[in-house]
N, C-alpha and C. Protein backbone atom coordinates (compact mmCIF):
# COMPACT_ATOMS: atom_id res chain seq x y z
N MET A 1 -13.58 15.39 64.26
CA MET A 1 -14.63 15.71 65.23
C MET A 1 -15.66 16.62 64.58
N ARG A 2 -16.94 16.43 64.95
CA ARG A 2 -18.01 17.25 64.36
C ARG A 2 -18.22 18.51 65.19
N LEU A 3 -18.25 19.65 64.51
CA LEU A 3 -18.49 20.95 65.13
C LEU A 3 -19.78 21.54 64.59
N LEU A 4 -20.36 22.45 65.37
CA LEU A 4 -21.48 23.26 64.90
C LEU A 4 -21.02 24.70 64.82
N LEU A 5 -21.24 25.34 63.67
CA LEU A 5 -20.96 26.76 63.48
C LEU A 5 -22.27 27.49 63.28
N ALA A 6 -22.55 28.51 64.09
CA ALA A 6 -23.74 29.34 63.94
C ALA A 6 -23.30 30.78 63.77
N GLU A 7 -23.45 31.31 62.57
CA GLU A 7 -23.00 32.66 62.23
C GLU A 7 -23.93 33.21 61.15
N ASP A 8 -24.56 34.38 61.41
CA ASP A 8 -25.55 34.89 60.46
C ASP A 8 -24.93 35.64 59.29
N ASP A 9 -23.69 36.10 59.42
CA ASP A 9 -23.00 36.76 58.31
C ASP A 9 -22.60 35.70 57.28
N GLU A 10 -23.27 35.71 56.13
CA GLU A 10 -23.07 34.63 55.16
C GLU A 10 -21.63 34.55 54.67
N ALA A 11 -21.00 35.71 54.43
CA ALA A 11 -19.62 35.71 53.93
C ALA A 11 -18.68 35.13 54.98
N LEU A 12 -18.83 35.56 56.24
CA LEU A 12 -17.96 35.04 57.30
C LEU A 12 -18.23 33.56 57.53
N ARG A 13 -19.50 33.17 57.48
CA ARG A 13 -19.84 31.76 57.68
C ARG A 13 -19.18 30.90 56.60
N SER A 14 -19.17 31.39 55.36
CA SER A 14 -18.56 30.64 54.26
C SER A 14 -17.05 30.49 54.47
N VAL A 15 -16.39 31.59 54.88
CA VAL A 15 -14.95 31.55 55.12
C VAL A 15 -14.61 30.59 56.26
N LEU A 16 -15.36 30.68 57.36
CA LEU A 16 -15.10 29.81 58.51
C LEU A 16 -15.38 28.35 58.18
N THR A 17 -16.46 28.12 57.43
CA THR A 17 -16.79 26.75 57.03
C THR A 17 -15.66 26.13 56.23
N ARG A 18 -15.19 26.86 55.25
CA ARG A 18 -14.10 26.34 54.42
C ARG A 18 -12.84 26.10 55.24
N GLY A 19 -12.50 27.06 56.09
CA GLY A 19 -11.28 26.93 56.89
C GLY A 19 -11.34 25.79 57.89
N LEU A 20 -12.48 25.61 58.54
CA LEU A 20 -12.62 24.54 59.54
C LEU A 20 -12.58 23.16 58.88
N ARG A 21 -13.20 23.06 57.71
CA ARG A 21 -13.15 21.78 57.00
C ARG A 21 -11.75 21.48 56.51
N GLU A 22 -11.02 22.50 56.06
CA GLU A 22 -9.65 22.30 55.64
C GLU A 22 -8.76 21.91 56.82
N ALA A 23 -9.17 22.34 58.03
CA ALA A 23 -8.42 21.99 59.23
C ALA A 23 -8.74 20.57 59.72
N GLY A 24 -9.65 19.89 59.03
CA GLY A 24 -9.91 18.50 59.34
C GLY A 24 -11.17 18.24 60.14
N TYR A 25 -11.99 19.27 60.37
CA TYR A 25 -13.20 19.08 61.15
C TYR A 25 -14.38 18.75 60.25
N VAL A 26 -15.29 17.95 60.77
CA VAL A 26 -16.60 17.74 60.14
C VAL A 26 -17.51 18.83 60.69
N LEU A 27 -18.29 19.48 59.82
CA LEU A 27 -18.96 20.71 60.23
C LEU A 27 -20.40 20.77 59.77
N ASP A 28 -21.28 21.25 60.68
CA ASP A 28 -22.62 21.70 60.32
C ASP A 28 -22.64 23.21 60.52
N ALA A 29 -23.19 23.95 59.57
CA ALA A 29 -23.20 25.41 59.64
C ALA A 29 -24.61 25.94 59.44
N VAL A 30 -25.04 26.85 60.31
CA VAL A 30 -26.36 27.47 60.22
C VAL A 30 -26.21 28.98 60.41
N GLY A 31 -27.28 29.72 60.05
CA GLY A 31 -27.23 31.18 60.13
C GLY A 31 -28.20 31.78 61.12
N ARG A 32 -28.94 30.95 61.85
CA ARG A 32 -29.93 31.44 62.81
C ARG A 32 -29.76 30.74 64.15
N GLY A 33 -30.07 31.47 65.21
CA GLY A 33 -29.94 30.91 66.54
C GLY A 33 -30.90 29.78 66.82
N ASP A 34 -32.16 29.91 66.33
CA ASP A 34 -33.12 28.84 66.57
C ASP A 34 -32.72 27.57 65.81
N ASP A 35 -32.12 27.74 64.64
CA ASP A 35 -31.63 26.57 63.90
C ASP A 35 -30.46 25.92 64.64
N ALA A 36 -29.61 26.75 65.25
CA ALA A 36 -28.49 26.22 66.02
C ALA A 36 -28.98 25.37 67.19
N LEU A 37 -29.98 25.87 67.90
CA LEU A 37 -30.51 25.13 69.05
C LEU A 37 -31.16 23.83 68.59
N HIS A 38 -31.84 23.88 67.46
CA HIS A 38 -32.45 22.66 66.91
C HIS A 38 -31.37 21.62 66.59
N MET A 39 -30.28 22.04 65.97
CA MET A 39 -29.19 21.12 65.63
C MET A 39 -28.54 20.55 66.88
N LEU A 40 -28.39 21.38 67.90
CA LEU A 40 -27.77 20.94 69.15
C LEU A 40 -28.63 19.88 69.84
N ARG A 41 -29.94 19.99 69.68
CA ARG A 41 -30.82 19.01 70.29
C ARG A 41 -30.84 17.70 69.51
N LEU A 42 -30.51 17.77 68.22
CA LEU A 42 -30.53 16.58 67.38
C LEU A 42 -29.22 15.81 67.40
N ASN A 43 -28.10 16.54 67.50
CA ASN A 43 -26.78 15.94 67.31
C ASN A 43 -25.86 16.19 68.48
N GLU A 44 -24.82 15.40 68.54
CA GLU A 44 -23.77 15.58 69.55
C GLU A 44 -22.57 16.25 68.88
N TYR A 45 -22.14 17.39 69.42
CA TYR A 45 -21.02 18.14 68.84
C TYR A 45 -19.85 18.20 69.81
N ALA A 46 -18.65 18.04 69.26
CA ALA A 46 -17.45 18.15 70.09
C ALA A 46 -17.28 19.58 70.60
N ALA A 47 -17.71 20.56 69.80
CA ALA A 47 -17.67 21.97 70.21
C ALA A 47 -18.62 22.75 69.32
N THR A 48 -19.03 23.93 69.81
CA THR A 48 -19.93 24.81 69.08
C THR A 48 -19.32 26.20 68.98
N VAL A 49 -19.28 26.74 67.76
CA VAL A 49 -18.83 28.13 67.54
C VAL A 49 -20.08 28.94 67.29
N LEU A 50 -20.34 29.91 68.16
CA LEU A 50 -21.65 30.55 68.22
C LEU A 50 -21.52 32.07 68.19
N ASP A 51 -22.14 32.69 67.17
CA ASP A 51 -22.16 34.15 67.10
C ASP A 51 -23.17 34.69 68.12
N TRP A 52 -22.87 35.84 68.71
CA TRP A 52 -23.77 36.41 69.71
C TRP A 52 -25.03 36.95 69.04
N ARG A 53 -24.87 37.75 67.98
CA ARG A 53 -26.01 38.42 67.35
C ARG A 53 -26.49 37.62 66.14
N MET A 54 -27.66 36.98 66.30
CA MET A 54 -28.25 36.19 65.22
C MET A 54 -29.76 36.36 65.24
N PRO A 55 -30.42 36.17 64.10
CA PRO A 55 -31.89 36.17 64.09
C PRO A 55 -32.42 34.88 64.72
N GLY A 56 -33.69 34.92 65.08
CA GLY A 56 -34.30 33.74 65.70
C GLY A 56 -34.07 33.76 67.20
N LEU A 57 -32.89 33.37 67.61
CA LEU A 57 -32.41 33.48 68.99
C LEU A 57 -31.01 34.04 68.93
N ASP A 58 -30.65 34.89 69.88
CA ASP A 58 -29.26 35.35 69.88
C ASP A 58 -28.38 34.30 70.59
N GLY A 59 -27.09 34.48 70.48
CA GLY A 59 -26.16 33.49 71.01
C GLY A 59 -26.33 33.25 72.50
N LEU A 60 -26.62 34.32 73.24
CA LEU A 60 -26.81 34.19 74.68
C LEU A 60 -28.01 33.31 74.99
N GLU A 61 -29.08 33.50 74.24
CA GLU A 61 -30.28 32.69 74.46
C GLU A 61 -30.04 31.23 74.08
N VAL A 62 -29.26 31.01 73.03
CA VAL A 62 -28.94 29.64 72.63
C VAL A 62 -28.14 28.93 73.73
N VAL A 63 -27.12 29.61 74.24
CA VAL A 63 -26.29 29.02 75.30
C VAL A 63 -27.13 28.70 76.53
N GLU A 64 -27.95 29.65 76.94
CA GLU A 64 -28.78 29.42 78.13
C GLU A 64 -29.71 28.23 77.93
N ALA A 65 -30.31 28.14 76.73
CA ALA A 65 -31.25 27.05 76.46
C ALA A 65 -30.55 25.71 76.40
N MET A 66 -29.38 25.66 75.78
CA MET A 66 -28.68 24.38 75.67
C MET A 66 -28.20 23.90 77.03
N ARG A 67 -27.74 24.81 77.88
CA ARG A 67 -27.29 24.40 79.22
C ARG A 67 -28.46 23.92 80.07
N LYS A 68 -29.61 24.57 79.93
CA LYS A 68 -30.79 24.13 80.67
C LYS A 68 -31.24 22.74 80.21
N ALA A 69 -30.99 22.45 78.92
CA ALA A 69 -31.36 21.15 78.37
C ALA A 69 -30.30 20.08 78.64
N GLY A 70 -29.23 20.46 79.32
CA GLY A 70 -28.19 19.50 79.65
C GLY A 70 -27.22 19.23 78.52
N ILE A 71 -27.19 20.09 77.51
CA ILE A 71 -26.27 19.93 76.38
C ILE A 71 -24.91 20.50 76.77
N ARG A 72 -23.88 19.66 76.78
CA ARG A 72 -22.60 20.05 77.37
C ARG A 72 -21.54 20.43 76.34
N SER A 73 -21.90 20.50 75.08
CA SER A 73 -20.93 20.88 74.06
C SER A 73 -20.25 22.20 74.44
N PRO A 74 -18.91 22.25 74.49
CA PRO A 74 -18.23 23.51 74.81
C PRO A 74 -18.52 24.57 73.76
N VAL A 75 -18.68 25.81 74.20
CA VAL A 75 -19.09 26.90 73.32
C VAL A 75 -18.01 27.97 73.23
N LEU A 76 -17.63 28.29 71.99
CA LEU A 76 -16.77 29.45 71.72
C LEU A 76 -17.68 30.53 71.15
N MET A 77 -17.83 31.63 71.88
CA MET A 77 -18.73 32.71 71.47
C MET A 77 -17.98 33.73 70.62
N LEU A 78 -18.56 34.06 69.45
CA LEU A 78 -18.01 35.09 68.58
C LEU A 78 -18.86 36.35 68.71
N THR A 79 -18.21 37.50 68.89
CA THR A 79 -18.99 38.72 69.06
C THR A 79 -18.15 39.97 68.86
N ALA A 80 -18.84 41.05 68.51
CA ALA A 80 -18.19 42.36 68.44
C ALA A 80 -18.23 43.05 69.79
N ARG A 81 -18.95 42.48 70.74
CA ARG A 81 -19.05 43.06 72.09
C ARG A 81 -17.75 42.79 72.84
N ASP A 82 -17.06 43.84 73.23
CA ASP A 82 -15.73 43.63 73.82
C ASP A 82 -15.59 44.23 75.21
N THR A 83 -16.71 44.57 75.88
CA THR A 83 -16.60 45.09 77.23
C THR A 83 -16.51 43.93 78.22
N THR A 84 -15.96 44.21 79.37
CA THR A 84 -15.86 43.18 80.41
C THR A 84 -17.23 42.68 80.80
N ALA A 85 -18.21 43.59 80.91
CA ALA A 85 -19.56 43.19 81.31
C ALA A 85 -20.16 42.22 80.30
N ASP A 86 -19.93 42.46 79.01
CA ASP A 86 -20.46 41.56 77.99
C ASP A 86 -19.81 40.18 78.08
N ARG A 87 -18.49 40.18 78.28
CA ARG A 87 -17.80 38.89 78.39
C ARG A 87 -18.31 38.10 79.60
N VAL A 88 -18.53 38.80 80.70
CA VAL A 88 -19.02 38.14 81.91
C VAL A 88 -20.41 37.57 81.66
N ARG A 89 -21.27 38.33 80.96
CA ARG A 89 -22.62 37.83 80.65
C ARG A 89 -22.55 36.54 79.85
N GLY A 90 -21.70 36.53 78.82
CA GLY A 90 -21.58 35.33 77.99
C GLY A 90 -21.07 34.14 78.76
N LEU A 91 -20.04 34.34 79.57
CA LEU A 91 -19.47 33.25 80.34
C LEU A 91 -20.43 32.75 81.41
N ASP A 92 -21.13 33.68 82.05
CA ASP A 92 -22.10 33.28 83.07
C ASP A 92 -23.27 32.52 82.48
N ALA A 93 -23.60 32.82 81.22
CA ALA A 93 -24.71 32.11 80.56
C ALA A 93 -24.35 30.67 80.22
N GLY A 94 -23.04 30.37 80.17
CA GLY A 94 -22.62 29.00 79.89
C GLY A 94 -21.61 28.86 78.78
N ALA A 95 -21.17 29.98 78.18
CA ALA A 95 -20.12 29.90 77.17
C ALA A 95 -18.80 29.53 77.85
N ASP A 96 -17.91 28.88 77.09
CA ASP A 96 -16.64 28.44 77.66
C ASP A 96 -15.49 29.36 77.29
N ASP A 97 -15.61 30.05 76.18
CA ASP A 97 -14.57 30.98 75.73
C ASP A 97 -15.22 32.03 74.86
N TYR A 98 -14.43 33.06 74.52
CA TYR A 98 -14.97 34.28 73.95
C TYR A 98 -13.96 34.82 72.97
N LEU A 99 -14.37 35.12 71.74
CA LEU A 99 -13.46 35.65 70.73
C LEU A 99 -14.11 36.88 70.11
N VAL A 100 -13.41 38.01 70.20
CA VAL A 100 -13.95 39.29 69.73
C VAL A 100 -13.63 39.50 68.26
N LYS A 101 -14.63 39.89 67.48
CA LYS A 101 -14.45 40.21 66.06
C LYS A 101 -13.83 41.61 65.93
N PRO A 102 -13.02 41.82 64.91
CA PRO A 102 -12.47 40.84 63.97
C PRO A 102 -11.37 40.01 64.64
N PHE A 103 -11.17 38.79 64.18
CA PHE A 103 -10.18 37.92 64.79
C PHE A 103 -9.40 37.21 63.69
N ASP A 104 -8.25 36.68 64.07
CA ASP A 104 -7.43 35.90 63.15
C ASP A 104 -7.90 34.45 63.20
N PHE A 105 -8.03 33.83 62.03
CA PHE A 105 -8.54 32.46 61.99
C PHE A 105 -7.64 31.50 62.78
N SER A 106 -6.35 31.74 62.78
CA SER A 106 -5.44 30.87 63.53
C SER A 106 -5.73 30.92 65.02
N GLU A 107 -6.20 32.07 65.52
CA GLU A 107 -6.56 32.16 66.94
C GLU A 107 -7.84 31.37 67.21
N LEU A 108 -8.79 31.43 66.28
CA LEU A 108 -10.00 30.64 66.45
C LEU A 108 -9.66 29.15 66.53
N LEU A 109 -8.77 28.68 65.65
CA LEU A 109 -8.37 27.28 65.68
C LEU A 109 -7.69 26.95 67.01
N ALA A 110 -6.84 27.84 67.50
CA ALA A 110 -6.14 27.58 68.75
C ALA A 110 -7.12 27.50 69.92
N ARG A 111 -8.11 28.37 69.92
CA ARG A 111 -9.10 28.34 71.01
C ARG A 111 -9.97 27.08 70.94
N LEU A 112 -10.30 26.66 69.72
CA LEU A 112 -11.04 25.40 69.58
C LEU A 112 -10.22 24.23 70.09
N ARG A 113 -8.95 24.20 69.73
CA ARG A 113 -8.09 23.10 70.21
C ARG A 113 -8.04 23.08 71.73
N ALA A 114 -8.00 24.27 72.33
CA ALA A 114 -7.96 24.34 73.80
C ALA A 114 -9.25 23.79 74.39
N LEU A 115 -10.40 24.13 73.79
CA LEU A 115 -11.67 23.60 74.29
C LEU A 115 -11.74 22.09 74.15
N LEU A 116 -11.23 21.58 73.03
CA LEU A 116 -11.29 20.14 72.79
C LEU A 116 -10.30 19.36 73.65
N ARG A 117 -9.36 20.06 74.26
CA ARG A 117 -8.43 19.38 75.17
C ARG A 117 -8.98 19.28 76.58
N ARG A 118 -10.19 19.76 76.81
CA ARG A 118 -10.71 19.81 78.17
C ARG A 118 -11.94 18.94 78.37
N PRO A 119 -11.91 17.68 77.89
CA PRO A 119 -13.07 16.82 78.14
C PRO A 119 -13.11 16.39 79.60
N ALA A 120 -14.31 16.12 80.09
CA ALA A 120 -14.45 15.65 81.46
C ALA A 120 -13.77 14.31 81.63
N GLY A 121 -13.00 14.19 82.70
CA GLY A 121 -12.41 12.91 83.03
C GLY A 121 -11.10 12.59 82.33
N VAL A 122 -10.60 13.52 81.51
CA VAL A 122 -9.32 13.29 80.85
C VAL A 122 -8.31 14.30 81.38
N GLU A 123 -7.20 13.80 81.88
CA GLU A 123 -6.19 14.68 82.46
C GLU A 123 -5.19 15.11 81.39
N GLY A 124 -4.78 16.41 81.52
CA GLY A 124 -3.72 16.89 80.65
C GLY A 124 -4.19 17.23 79.26
N THR A 125 -3.25 17.72 78.46
CA THR A 125 -3.60 18.17 77.12
C THR A 125 -3.42 17.07 76.09
N VAL A 126 -2.63 16.05 76.40
CA VAL A 126 -2.40 14.94 75.48
C VAL A 126 -3.12 13.71 76.03
N LEU A 127 -3.85 13.02 75.17
CA LEU A 127 -4.59 11.82 75.58
C LEU A 127 -3.65 10.63 75.54
N ARG A 128 -3.61 9.85 76.62
CA ARG A 128 -2.68 8.73 76.73
C ARG A 128 -3.39 7.46 77.15
N ARG A 129 -3.07 6.38 76.45
CA ARG A 129 -3.51 5.05 76.84
C ARG A 129 -2.38 4.10 76.45
N GLY A 130 -1.84 3.36 77.42
CA GLY A 130 -0.72 2.48 77.14
C GLY A 130 0.45 3.28 76.56
N ALA A 131 1.04 2.79 75.48
CA ALA A 131 2.13 3.50 74.81
C ALA A 131 1.61 4.47 73.76
N LEU A 132 0.28 4.59 73.66
CA LEU A 132 -0.35 5.44 72.66
C LEU A 132 -0.57 6.84 73.21
N THR A 133 -0.25 7.84 72.40
CA THR A 133 -0.59 9.23 72.72
C THR A 133 -1.31 9.84 71.53
N VAL A 134 -2.33 10.63 71.83
CA VAL A 134 -3.07 11.37 70.80
C VAL A 134 -3.08 12.83 71.24
N ASP A 135 -2.57 13.71 70.39
CA ASP A 135 -2.51 15.14 70.69
C ASP A 135 -3.56 15.86 69.86
N PRO A 136 -4.69 16.28 70.46
CA PRO A 136 -5.74 16.96 69.69
C PRO A 136 -5.29 18.28 69.09
N SER A 137 -4.32 18.96 69.71
CA SER A 137 -3.89 20.26 69.22
C SER A 137 -3.09 20.17 67.94
N THR A 138 -2.28 19.12 67.80
CA THR A 138 -1.48 18.94 66.57
C THR A 138 -2.10 17.91 65.64
N ARG A 139 -3.15 17.23 66.13
CA ARG A 139 -3.81 16.14 65.38
C ARG A 139 -2.80 15.10 64.94
N GLU A 140 -2.04 14.63 65.93
CA GLU A 140 -1.05 13.59 65.69
C GLU A 140 -1.22 12.48 66.72
N ALA A 141 -0.91 11.26 66.31
CA ALA A 141 -0.94 10.11 67.21
C ALA A 141 0.39 9.38 67.10
N GLU A 142 0.89 8.93 68.26
CA GLU A 142 2.19 8.25 68.27
C GLU A 142 2.14 7.03 69.18
N VAL A 143 2.98 6.06 68.90
CA VAL A 143 3.22 4.91 69.77
C VAL A 143 4.70 4.92 70.11
N ASP A 144 4.99 5.12 71.41
CA ASP A 144 6.39 5.21 71.86
C ASP A 144 7.17 6.24 71.05
N GLY A 145 6.53 7.35 70.72
CA GLY A 145 7.21 8.43 70.01
C GLY A 145 7.23 8.29 68.49
N ALA A 146 6.78 7.17 67.98
CA ALA A 146 6.76 6.97 66.52
C ALA A 146 5.39 7.30 65.97
N SER A 147 5.34 8.13 64.93
CA SER A 147 4.07 8.56 64.35
C SER A 147 3.32 7.39 63.74
N LEU A 148 1.99 7.41 63.90
CA LEU A 148 1.15 6.36 63.34
C LEU A 148 0.74 6.66 61.90
N HIS A 149 0.94 7.88 61.44
CA HIS A 149 0.61 8.26 60.06
C HIS A 149 -0.85 7.91 59.73
N LEU A 150 -1.76 8.47 60.51
CA LEU A 150 -3.18 8.20 60.34
C LEU A 150 -3.82 9.17 59.35
N THR A 151 -4.86 8.69 58.68
CA THR A 151 -5.67 9.60 57.88
C THR A 151 -6.51 10.44 58.84
N ALA A 152 -7.13 11.52 58.32
CA ALA A 152 -7.95 12.38 59.16
C ALA A 152 -9.10 11.60 59.78
N THR A 153 -9.72 10.72 59.02
CA THR A 153 -10.84 9.94 59.53
C THR A 153 -10.38 8.93 60.58
N GLU A 154 -9.25 8.27 60.33
CA GLU A 154 -8.71 7.34 61.32
C GLU A 154 -8.40 8.05 62.62
N LEU A 155 -7.82 9.25 62.52
CA LEU A 155 -7.48 10.00 63.73
C LEU A 155 -8.74 10.39 64.49
N THR A 156 -9.78 10.80 63.78
CA THR A 156 -11.04 11.16 64.43
C THR A 156 -11.62 9.97 65.19
N ILE A 157 -11.63 8.81 64.56
CA ILE A 157 -12.17 7.61 65.22
C ILE A 157 -11.33 7.26 66.44
N LEU A 158 -10.01 7.30 66.29
CA LEU A 158 -9.13 6.97 67.41
C LEU A 158 -9.31 7.94 68.56
N GLU A 159 -9.40 9.23 68.25
CA GLU A 159 -9.57 10.22 69.31
C GLU A 159 -10.87 9.99 70.07
N LEU A 160 -11.94 9.69 69.36
CA LEU A 160 -13.20 9.38 70.02
C LEU A 160 -13.07 8.19 70.96
N LEU A 161 -12.43 7.13 70.48
CA LEU A 161 -12.29 5.92 71.28
C LEU A 161 -11.43 6.16 72.51
N VAL A 162 -10.35 6.95 72.35
CA VAL A 162 -9.46 7.22 73.48
C VAL A 162 -10.17 8.10 74.52
N ARG A 163 -10.85 9.14 74.04
CA ARG A 163 -11.53 10.05 74.97
C ARG A 163 -12.56 9.30 75.82
N ARG A 164 -13.24 8.31 75.24
CA ARG A 164 -14.34 7.65 75.94
C ARG A 164 -13.94 6.30 76.52
N SER A 165 -12.71 5.91 76.32
CA SER A 165 -12.23 4.64 76.84
C SER A 165 -12.44 4.55 78.35
N PRO A 166 -12.91 3.41 78.85
CA PRO A 166 -13.19 2.14 78.16
C PRO A 166 -14.65 1.99 77.74
N ALA A 167 -15.38 3.11 77.68
CA ALA A 167 -16.80 3.03 77.31
C ALA A 167 -16.95 2.69 75.83
N VAL A 168 -18.11 2.19 75.48
CA VAL A 168 -18.41 1.84 74.09
C VAL A 168 -18.79 3.10 73.31
N VAL A 169 -18.26 3.23 72.11
CA VAL A 169 -18.65 4.31 71.19
C VAL A 169 -19.46 3.65 70.07
N ASP A 170 -20.72 4.05 69.94
CA ASP A 170 -21.57 3.38 68.95
C ASP A 170 -21.24 3.86 67.53
N ARG A 171 -21.66 3.08 66.56
CA ARG A 171 -21.34 3.37 65.15
C ARG A 171 -21.95 4.69 64.71
N LYS A 172 -23.13 5.03 65.22
CA LYS A 172 -23.77 6.28 64.83
C LYS A 172 -22.94 7.48 65.27
N THR A 173 -22.36 7.42 66.47
CA THR A 173 -21.51 8.52 66.95
C THR A 173 -20.25 8.62 66.11
N ILE A 174 -19.65 7.48 65.78
CA ILE A 174 -18.46 7.49 64.94
C ILE A 174 -18.78 8.11 63.59
N ALA A 175 -19.90 7.73 63.01
CA ALA A 175 -20.30 8.26 61.70
C ALA A 175 -20.53 9.77 61.77
N ALA A 176 -21.16 10.23 62.85
CA ALA A 176 -21.48 11.65 62.98
C ALA A 176 -20.24 12.51 63.09
N HIS A 177 -19.20 11.99 63.73
CA HIS A 177 -17.98 12.78 63.93
C HIS A 177 -16.98 12.61 62.79
N GLY A 178 -17.12 11.54 62.03
CA GLY A 178 -16.11 11.27 61.01
C GLY A 178 -16.48 11.62 59.60
N TRP A 179 -17.78 11.82 59.34
CA TRP A 179 -18.24 12.07 57.97
C TRP A 179 -19.24 13.21 57.94
N GLU A 180 -19.18 14.06 56.90
CA GLU A 180 -20.16 15.13 56.73
C GLU A 180 -21.56 14.54 56.61
N ASP A 181 -21.73 13.51 55.79
CA ASP A 181 -23.00 12.81 55.65
C ASP A 181 -22.89 11.49 56.41
N ASP A 182 -23.47 11.46 57.61
CA ASP A 182 -23.28 10.28 58.46
C ASP A 182 -24.06 9.06 57.99
N THR A 183 -24.90 9.22 56.96
CA THR A 183 -25.63 8.05 56.45
C THR A 183 -24.74 7.19 55.56
N VAL A 184 -23.67 7.79 55.02
CA VAL A 184 -22.80 7.06 54.09
C VAL A 184 -22.11 5.87 54.77
N PRO A 185 -21.39 6.08 55.89
CA PRO A 185 -20.72 4.93 56.51
C PRO A 185 -21.68 3.96 57.18
N LEU A 186 -22.86 4.43 57.60
CA LEU A 186 -23.80 3.54 58.29
C LEU A 186 -24.43 2.54 57.33
N GLY A 187 -24.44 2.86 56.05
CA GLY A 187 -25.03 1.97 55.08
C GLY A 187 -24.03 1.06 54.39
N SER A 188 -22.82 0.97 54.93
CA SER A 188 -21.78 0.15 54.31
C SER A 188 -20.85 -0.38 55.40
N ASN A 189 -19.73 -0.99 54.97
CA ASN A 189 -18.75 -1.48 55.94
C ASN A 189 -17.58 -0.52 56.09
N THR A 190 -17.82 0.76 55.75
CA THR A 190 -16.74 1.76 55.77
C THR A 190 -16.11 1.90 57.15
N ILE A 191 -16.93 1.95 58.19
CA ILE A 191 -16.39 2.09 59.54
C ILE A 191 -15.54 0.87 59.89
N GLU A 192 -16.02 -0.30 59.55
CA GLU A 192 -15.27 -1.52 59.85
C GLU A 192 -13.90 -1.52 59.16
N VAL A 193 -13.86 -1.01 57.93
CA VAL A 193 -12.58 -0.94 57.20
C VAL A 193 -11.62 -0.01 57.91
N HIS A 194 -12.10 1.16 58.34
CA HIS A 194 -11.23 2.11 59.04
C HIS A 194 -10.74 1.54 60.37
N VAL A 195 -11.63 0.86 61.09
CA VAL A 195 -11.23 0.28 62.37
C VAL A 195 -10.19 -0.82 62.15
N ALA A 196 -10.36 -1.62 61.11
CA ALA A 196 -9.39 -2.68 60.81
C ALA A 196 -8.01 -2.08 60.54
N ARG A 197 -7.97 -0.97 59.81
CA ARG A 197 -6.69 -0.31 59.53
C ARG A 197 -6.08 0.25 60.81
N LEU A 198 -6.94 0.79 61.68
CA LEU A 198 -6.45 1.31 62.95
C LEU A 198 -5.84 0.20 63.80
N ARG A 199 -6.52 -0.93 63.85
CA ARG A 199 -6.01 -2.06 64.64
C ARG A 199 -4.61 -2.46 64.18
N ALA A 200 -4.40 -2.48 62.87
CA ALA A 200 -3.09 -2.85 62.35
C ALA A 200 -2.03 -1.83 62.75
N LYS A 201 -2.39 -0.55 62.71
CA LYS A 201 -1.43 0.50 63.04
C LYS A 201 -1.17 0.60 64.54
N LEU A 202 -2.07 0.06 65.36
CA LEU A 202 -1.91 0.14 66.81
C LEU A 202 -1.14 -1.06 67.38
N ALA A 203 -0.62 -1.91 66.53
CA ALA A 203 0.16 -3.06 67.01
C ALA A 203 1.32 -2.58 67.88
N GLY A 204 1.45 -3.17 69.06
CA GLY A 204 2.53 -2.80 69.97
C GLY A 204 2.28 -1.56 70.79
N SER A 205 1.05 -1.03 70.73
CA SER A 205 0.74 0.22 71.43
C SER A 205 0.30 0.00 72.87
N GLY A 206 -0.03 -1.25 73.22
CA GLY A 206 -0.54 -1.51 74.55
C GLY A 206 -2.03 -1.28 74.68
N VAL A 207 -2.71 -1.00 73.55
CA VAL A 207 -4.17 -0.84 73.57
C VAL A 207 -4.77 -1.70 72.48
N ALA A 208 -6.06 -2.00 72.62
CA ALA A 208 -6.76 -2.80 71.62
C ALA A 208 -8.15 -2.23 71.42
N ILE A 209 -8.63 -2.32 70.19
CA ILE A 209 -9.99 -1.90 69.87
C ILE A 209 -10.87 -3.15 69.83
N LEU A 210 -11.83 -3.21 70.73
CA LEU A 210 -12.73 -4.36 70.81
C LEU A 210 -14.05 -4.05 70.11
N THR A 211 -14.58 -5.02 69.42
CA THR A 211 -15.88 -4.89 68.78
C THR A 211 -16.97 -5.28 69.77
N VAL A 212 -17.96 -4.43 69.93
CA VAL A 212 -19.13 -4.74 70.74
C VAL A 212 -20.25 -5.03 69.75
N ARG A 213 -20.54 -6.28 69.57
CA ARG A 213 -21.42 -6.73 68.50
C ARG A 213 -22.78 -6.01 68.55
N GLY A 214 -23.18 -5.48 67.41
CA GLY A 214 -24.46 -4.81 67.29
C GLY A 214 -24.48 -3.39 67.81
N THR A 215 -23.35 -2.91 68.35
CA THR A 215 -23.32 -1.57 68.93
C THR A 215 -22.21 -0.70 68.34
N GLY A 216 -20.96 -1.09 68.59
CA GLY A 216 -19.85 -0.26 68.14
C GLY A 216 -18.53 -0.81 68.61
N TYR A 217 -17.68 0.06 69.17
CA TYR A 217 -16.32 -0.34 69.53
C TYR A 217 -15.92 0.35 70.84
N ARG A 218 -14.95 -0.26 71.51
CA ARG A 218 -14.35 0.39 72.67
C ARG A 218 -12.86 0.10 72.69
N LEU A 219 -12.12 1.04 73.25
CA LEU A 219 -10.67 0.90 73.33
C LEU A 219 -10.28 0.58 74.76
N VAL A 220 -9.47 -0.47 74.92
CA VAL A 220 -9.03 -0.88 76.25
C VAL A 220 -7.51 -1.06 76.24
N GLU A 221 -6.93 -0.96 77.42
CA GLU A 221 -5.49 -1.22 77.54
C GLU A 221 -5.30 -2.73 77.56
N ALA A 222 -4.41 -3.20 76.72
CA ALA A 222 -4.19 -4.66 76.58
C ALA A 222 -3.45 -5.18 77.79
């Protein structure tokens, strides 16, 4: 899944960028609030990690602007402000969660997983279709309890399809969430290859990935 990280501290941004990518996320990272808002208007993000104090626009202004623009990406706010009043301000502005600096990276990952488990229209913490289950918190997929042994990219594509099932997921969205440079898969048959491998691994799962010619793919219960 593609995330946006906005943090003006270059050293912290570098550490978080490396850690999030090692955790399997595709990431865009910026150091200014106005740049963050620009990226949010251009791209669709599964979640946004947003520092409160940044040049350009502060985190509170970014959240307020994105919510007014109808951008629904869940926001995890990072800040040294630890008073109840500050937390209330951030949450009222449209942030979904709040993490006070300094923090442990494992807690940041746990809070992100919690945000990603709360998509509109999906019940529970584990995504289920037919005999297929996808657990965003452990990044594992199973059919009747047996692991599918997916690559990180295959899991990202499958999670997107399950979350939006039975709606169509276009190739551009798949590319944006599965690759750092989304132009790479769009200019080749890379997505088709990954989907073909997924179809083989989903045999007996009770779901099928259908091709919507000229658009993308959708997952339906067989």
